[in-house]
Protein backbone atom coordinates (compact mmCIF):
# COMPACT_ATOMS: atom_id res chain seq x y z
CA VAL A 1 123.07 78.14 91.96
CA SER A 2 119.79 78.51 93.82
CA VAL A 3 118.81 81.93 95.17
CA SER A 4 115.79 82.00 97.46
CA ALA A 5 113.94 84.07 100.05
CA VAL A 6 113.94 82.61 103.57
CA GLY A 7 112.91 83.27 107.12
CA SER A 8 115.58 83.54 109.81
CA LEU A 9 115.79 81.15 112.75
CA LYS A 10 118.61 83.02 114.47
CA GLU A 11 118.88 86.47 116.02
CA ASP A 12 122.16 87.22 114.25
CA LEU A 13 120.65 86.60 110.80
CA PRO A 14 118.51 89.73 110.34
CA PRO A 15 116.49 90.67 107.26
CA GLY A 16 118.76 91.58 104.36
CA LYS A 17 121.55 89.16 105.28
CA PHE A 18 122.60 86.39 102.87
CA VAL A 19 123.50 82.84 103.92
CA ILE A 20 125.60 80.54 101.75
CA VAL A 21 123.92 77.28 102.73
CA ASP A 22 125.92 74.05 103.01
CA GLN A 23 123.41 71.73 104.73
CA PHE A 24 119.69 70.95 104.48
CA ILE A 25 117.02 69.31 106.60
CA ASP A 26 114.29 68.07 104.28
CA ARG A 27 110.81 68.31 105.81
CA THR A 28 108.93 68.06 102.52
CA PHE A 29 106.61 65.12 101.92
CA ALA A 30 104.50 65.73 98.80
CA ARG A 31 107.14 66.09 96.10
CA GLU A 32 108.83 63.76 93.65
CA LYS A 33 112.38 63.31 94.97
CA THR A 34 114.18 61.08 92.52
CA PHE A 35 114.69 60.43 88.82
CA PHE A 36 115.24 56.75 89.63
CA ASP A 37 111.62 55.82 90.28
CA GLU A 38 111.28 52.84 87.92
CA GLU A 39 113.38 49.68 87.60
CA ILE A 40 116.74 51.30 88.30
CA VAL A 41 117.64 51.98 91.92
CA ALA A 42 120.29 54.56 92.81
CA HIS A 43 121.42 55.95 96.17
CA VAL A 44 123.54 59.09 95.82
CA SER A 45 125.37 60.51 98.83
CA MET A 46 123.86 63.71 100.25
CA ALA A 47 126.27 64.03 103.18
CA HIS A 48 127.69 67.19 101.60
CA PRO A 49 124.92 68.43 99.30
CA THR A 50 126.62 71.58 98.01
CA SER A 51 129.71 72.16 95.90
CA ASN A 52 132.64 73.79 97.70
CA GLY A 53 133.85 75.34 94.46
CA LEU A 54 130.48 76.95 93.72
CA MET A 55 130.13 78.09 97.33
CA ASN A 56 133.50 79.82 97.10
CA ALA A 57 132.45 81.44 93.84
CA CYS A 58 129.26 82.70 95.53
CA GLU A 59 131.25 84.07 98.44
CA GLU A 60 133.57 85.98 96.12
CA ALA A 61 130.58 87.36 94.19
CA ILE A 62 128.85 88.44 97.43
CA LYS A 63 131.99 90.09 98.82
CA LYS A 64 132.37 92.11 95.62
CA GLU A 65 128.93 93.65 96.29
CA LYS A 66 129.74 94.20 99.99
CA ILE A 67 126.61 92.27 101.00
CA ASP A 68 126.39 91.19 104.65
CA TYR A 69 126.56 87.37 104.63
CA GLN A 70 127.29 84.18 106.54
CA LYS A 71 129.30 81.34 105.03
CA ASN A 72 127.77 77.93 105.85
CA GLY A 73 124.39 77.32 107.41
CA THR A 74 121.56 74.82 107.62
CA TYR A 75 118.37 75.36 105.63
CA ILE A 76 115.13 73.73 106.83
CA VAL A 77 112.97 72.98 103.81
CA MET A 78 109.29 72.86 104.73
CA GLU A 79 106.40 71.75 102.51
CA GLY A 80 104.38 74.96 102.40
CA PRO A 81 102.53 76.91 101.19
CA GLN A 82 101.58 77.69 104.78
CA PHE A 83 104.16 79.04 107.21
CA SER A 84 105.30 77.20 110.36
CA THR A 85 103.37 76.90 113.57
CA LEU A 86 105.08 78.41 116.60
CA ALA A 87 105.79 74.91 117.94
CA GLU A 88 107.44 73.93 114.65
CA SER A 89 109.50 77.10 114.55
CA LYS A 90 110.77 76.48 118.10
CA LEU A 91 111.56 72.86 117.17
CA TYR A 92 113.63 73.93 114.16
CA ARG A 93 115.54 76.40 116.33
CA SER A 94 116.30 73.60 118.79
CA TRP A 95 117.88 71.74 115.86
CA GLU A 96 120.19 74.75 115.41
CA ALA A 97 119.03 75.37 111.86
CA ASP A 98 119.77 78.82 110.46
CA VAL A 99 117.05 79.59 107.93
CA ILE A 100 113.73 78.18 106.73
CA GLY A 101 112.13 78.15 103.30
CA MET A 102 109.98 76.15 100.90
CA THR A 103 112.44 75.55 98.06
CA ASN A 104 115.86 73.84 97.67
CA MET A 105 114.37 70.39 98.20
CA PRO A 106 114.09 68.22 96.28
CA GLU A 107 116.10 70.32 93.82
CA ALA A 108 119.38 69.73 95.69
CA LYS A 109 118.75 65.98 95.65
CA LEU A 110 117.77 65.95 91.97
CA ALA A 111 120.81 68.03 91.04
CA ARG A 112 123.02 65.47 92.77
CA GLU A 113 121.33 62.59 90.94
CA ALA A 114 121.98 64.42 87.66
CA GLU A 115 125.62 65.04 88.66
CA ILE A 116 125.05 68.80 88.60
CA ARG A 117 127.14 70.82 91.05
CA TYR A 118 124.83 72.78 93.34
CA ALA A 119 125.06 75.76 95.69
CA SER A 120 122.39 77.71 97.54
CA VAL A 121 122.29 81.35 98.61
CA SER A 122 119.48 82.24 101.03
CA MET A 123 118.29 85.82 101.34
CA VAL A 124 116.66 86.60 104.69
CA THR A 125 113.42 88.59 104.38
CA ASP A 126 112.12 88.32 107.94
CA TYR A 127 112.33 86.41 111.20
CA ASP A 128 110.19 83.29 111.47
CA CYS A 129 107.31 83.25 113.96
CA TRP A 130 109.59 82.31 116.91
CA HIS A 131 110.79 85.91 117.12
CA PRO A 132 108.97 88.23 119.58
CA ASP A 133 108.85 91.00 116.97
CA HIS A 134 107.37 88.71 114.30
CA GLU A 135 103.80 89.84 114.92
CA ASN A 136 104.89 93.43 114.37
CA VAL A 137 106.36 92.73 110.93
CA ASP A 138 104.82 95.01 108.34
CA VAL A 139 104.05 93.32 105.01
CA GLN A 140 105.22 96.37 103.10
CA GLN A 141 108.51 96.25 104.98
CA VAL A 142 108.96 92.57 104.08
CA ILE A 143 108.30 93.37 100.41
CA LYS A 144 110.81 96.22 100.57
CA VAL A 145 113.47 93.86 101.97
CA LEU A 146 112.54 91.23 99.37
CA LEU A 147 112.96 93.66 96.46
CA ASN A 148 116.22 94.99 97.88
CA ASN A 149 117.50 91.42 98.27
CA ALA A 150 116.49 90.63 94.68
CA ALA A 151 118.46 93.62 93.40
CA LYS A 152 121.53 92.49 95.38
CA ALA A 153 121.08 88.94 94.11
CA LYS A 154 121.08 90.11 90.47
CA SER A 155 124.41 91.85 91.03
CA MET A 156 125.77 88.77 92.79
CA ILE A 157 124.76 86.50 89.87
CA LYS A 158 126.45 88.84 87.37
CA ASN A 159 129.66 88.56 89.40
CA LEU A 160 129.19 84.80 89.66
CA ILE A 161 128.95 84.40 85.89
CA GLU A 162 132.29 86.17 85.59
CA ASN A 163 134.15 84.22 88.29
CA PHE A 164 132.71 80.70 88.68
CA GLU A 165 135.11 79.11 86.20
CA ASN A 166 137.98 80.10 88.50
CA HIS A 167 136.47 77.90 91.21
CA ILE A 168 135.68 74.72 89.27
CA ASP A 169 137.06 71.68 91.07
CA PRO A 170 137.75 68.82 88.63
CA LYS A 171 137.70 66.46 91.62
CA ASP A 172 134.27 67.57 92.86
CA PRO A 173 132.53 64.31 93.94
CA THR A 174 129.33 65.44 92.20
CA ASN A 175 131.01 65.00 88.82
CA ASN A 176 130.89 61.19 88.94
CA CYS A 177 128.74 60.32 91.96
CA LEU A 178 126.58 57.92 89.92
CA ASP A 179 129.58 55.63 89.42
CA VAL A 180 128.98 54.23 92.90
CA ALA A 181 125.25 54.96 93.28
CA ILE A 182 123.42 52.64 90.89
CA ILE A 183 122.55 49.29 92.46
CA THR A 184 120.42 47.62 89.77
CA ALA A 185 122.41 45.08 87.70
CA PRO A 186 122.94 46.06 84.02
CA GLU A 187 120.93 43.10 82.74
CA LYS A 188 117.90 44.28 84.73
CA ARG A 189 117.82 47.72 83.05
CA THR A 190 115.40 48.00 80.13
CA LYS A 191 116.02 50.15 77.06
CA LYS A 192 112.90 52.14 77.92
CA THR A 193 114.21 53.17 81.34
CA ILE A 194 117.72 53.81 80.08
CA GLY A 195 116.19 56.05 77.42
CA LYS A 196 114.13 57.90 80.01
CA LEU A 197 117.23 58.57 82.10
CA LYS A 198 119.62 59.35 79.24
CA ASN A 199 119.87 63.07 80.06
CA VAL A 200 120.36 62.41 83.77
CA ALA A 201 122.47 59.26 83.90
CA GLY A 202 123.43 58.51 80.33
CA ARG A 203 127.13 58.85 81.16
CA VAL A 204 126.88 55.81 83.44
CA LEU A 205 124.05 53.78 81.91
CA ASN A 206 125.51 53.80 78.39
CA LYS A 207 128.94 52.53 79.42
């Protein structure tokens, strides 16, 4: 479960609100995005990048703390470390994205390649630069929201540890997505590469 600070792209997602993300738009360009970078080619599905079971567990954990939240939302992942230009921010809003941040990609993609169920909870700290009040945002106020969000997130994670097993879906497609993802023929896979990928794809490559 990823927990991260984000900017809001929508008026109804004010600072302090949590968003259980279910979709991403990846705008990063300078990061390694796959474990399958030598010899073995694999294409995992990212149509539904988060685990429904884990999302439900997050929702239950958030409700227990009475945190204001939204279930489902699209997270724009930008490269950083700089923030968006105004033109970019307006573009992302036109795409109907909900929040923007600098994490979650490629980690969501790498988690899928490793057959690790993944969920993301975004904690809004401020509005992105599209908002007319953005220029009036006080840094100290942002830090105050950030620290308050972090405290709420700690409580949420404690609840999550207690309840996530109740939401495990044995039929989650992440569990065996590599069964239909690896294209390279077995005879083309060297022992060196199989060894390198043993912790990620050993279940499939050692069949």
